[in-house]
Structures are given as structure tokens and as C-alpha cells.
Amino acid sequence: QEVDPTDYNQIVADLKIVGIIWSENPQVMIESKKESKTFLLNNNDKINQLTVKEIKKDKVVLTGEGREWELR
């Protein structure tokens, strides 16, 4: 299913970092405001058609359709 690039921006705008668990294998807790759910994600996990590319101490890099977004 194709997604309009503006829809990806809306998907990212709907997501919010709740917390980052920093360890050898970091995890991120991301809240989907639209779904009213919180997800615990690892690198390469998917959330709403986006993939968690990298978890850093202060941000998360998400990818989709060859583009990248940062959540802080």
C-alpha cells in the first residue's frame, strides 16, 4: 500500500517518545497519540509503517520510503 509523503509526516507527528532505555541493546518507548498506545521498540522494529533505524541517548531515528525523521 502506497503512502503519500505528507501522510508519513502525519504519522511522525502522531508519535512521541515516552522514554529511552539505554543499555547495550537500547529500547525506546514511543506513544502513538492516535491509537492511545505505548510501544516498546528495538532497532529495526516497525511502528505505523516506519522502521526504528537508530536509538540514541536523546533521540530516535525513524525511516520509511527512503526518508528519515528524528523524534526527540
Protein backbone atom coordinates (compact mmCIF):
# COMPACT_ATOMS: atom_id res chain seq x y z
CA GLN A 1 0.00 0.00 0.00
CA GLU A 2 1.48 3.32 -1.11
CA VAL A 3 1.53 6.16 1.38
CA ASP A 4 1.59 9.81 0.35
CA PRO A 5 4.75 11.55 1.70
CA THR A 6 2.57 14.01 3.60
CA ASP A 7 0.95 11.05 5.32
CA TYR A 8 4.38 10.00 6.62
CA ASN A 9 4.79 13.45 8.13
CA GLN A 10 1.39 13.00 9.81
CA ILE A 11 2.43 9.54 11.08
CA VAL A 12 5.61 11.01 12.60
CA ALA A 13 3.69 13.94 14.11
CA ASP A 14 1.43 11.40 15.85
CA LEU A 15 4.38 9.75 17.64
CA LYS A 16 6.00 10.87 20.88
CA ILE A 17 8.99 9.47 22.78
CA VAL A 18 7.97 8.50 26.31
CA GLY A 19 11.39 7.21 27.33
CA ILE A 20 14.63 5.61 26.21
CA ILE A 21 16.08 2.59 27.99
CA TRP A 22 19.82 2.99 27.48
CA SER A 23 21.84 -0.26 27.55
CA GLU A 24 23.93 -2.48 25.30
CA ASN A 25 20.69 -3.06 23.35
CA PRO A 26 18.78 0.22 23.75
CA GLN A 27 15.00 0.33 23.55
CA VAL A 28 12.59 3.20 23.08
CA MET A 29 9.06 3.70 24.38
CA ILE A 30 7.00 5.56 21.78
CA GLU A 31 3.43 6.67 22.29
CA SER A 32 1.02 6.73 19.37
CA LYS A 33 -1.37 9.56 20.22
CA LYS A 34 -3.81 8.40 17.54
CA GLU A 35 -4.02 4.85 18.94
CA SER A 36 -3.58 5.89 22.60
CA LYS A 37 -0.99 3.10 22.97
CA THR A 38 2.65 2.96 24.03
CA PHE A 39 5.07 0.65 22.24
CA LEU A 40 8.42 -0.71 23.47
CA LEU A 41 10.66 -0.94 20.41
CA ASN A 42 14.14 -2.14 19.48
CA ASN A 43 16.28 -1.22 16.47
CA ASN A 44 14.67 -2.43 13.21
CA ASP A 45 11.19 -2.73 14.79
CA LYS A 46 8.29 -1.17 12.89
CA ILE A 47 5.69 1.29 14.13
CA ASN A 48 2.97 2.66 11.82
CA GLN A 49 4.88 1.81 8.60
CA LEU A 50 8.10 3.36 9.93
CA THR A 51 11.22 1.46 10.99
CA VAL A 52 13.35 2.28 14.03
CA LYS A 53 16.76 2.84 12.42
CA GLU A 54 18.75 4.05 15.41
CA ILE A 55 18.16 4.69 19.10
CA LYS A 56 20.41 7.34 20.66
CA LYS A 57 20.51 8.72 24.20
CA ASP A 58 18.42 11.79 23.29
CA LYS A 59 16.57 10.86 20.08
CA VAL A 60 15.35 8.12 17.77
CA VAL A 61 15.83 7.96 14.00
CA LEU A 62 12.90 6.52 12.05
CA THR A 63 12.94 5.60 8.35
CA GLY A 64 10.31 4.99 5.70
CA GLU A 65 10.26 5.15 1.91
CA GLY A 66 13.94 6.17 1.81
CA ARG A 67 13.41 9.14 4.15
CA GLU A 68 14.44 9.73 7.76
CA TRP A 69 12.83 11.52 10.68
CA GLU A 70 14.12 12.25 14.17
CA LEU A 71 11.96 12.04 17.25
CA ARG A 72 13.18 13.85 20.35
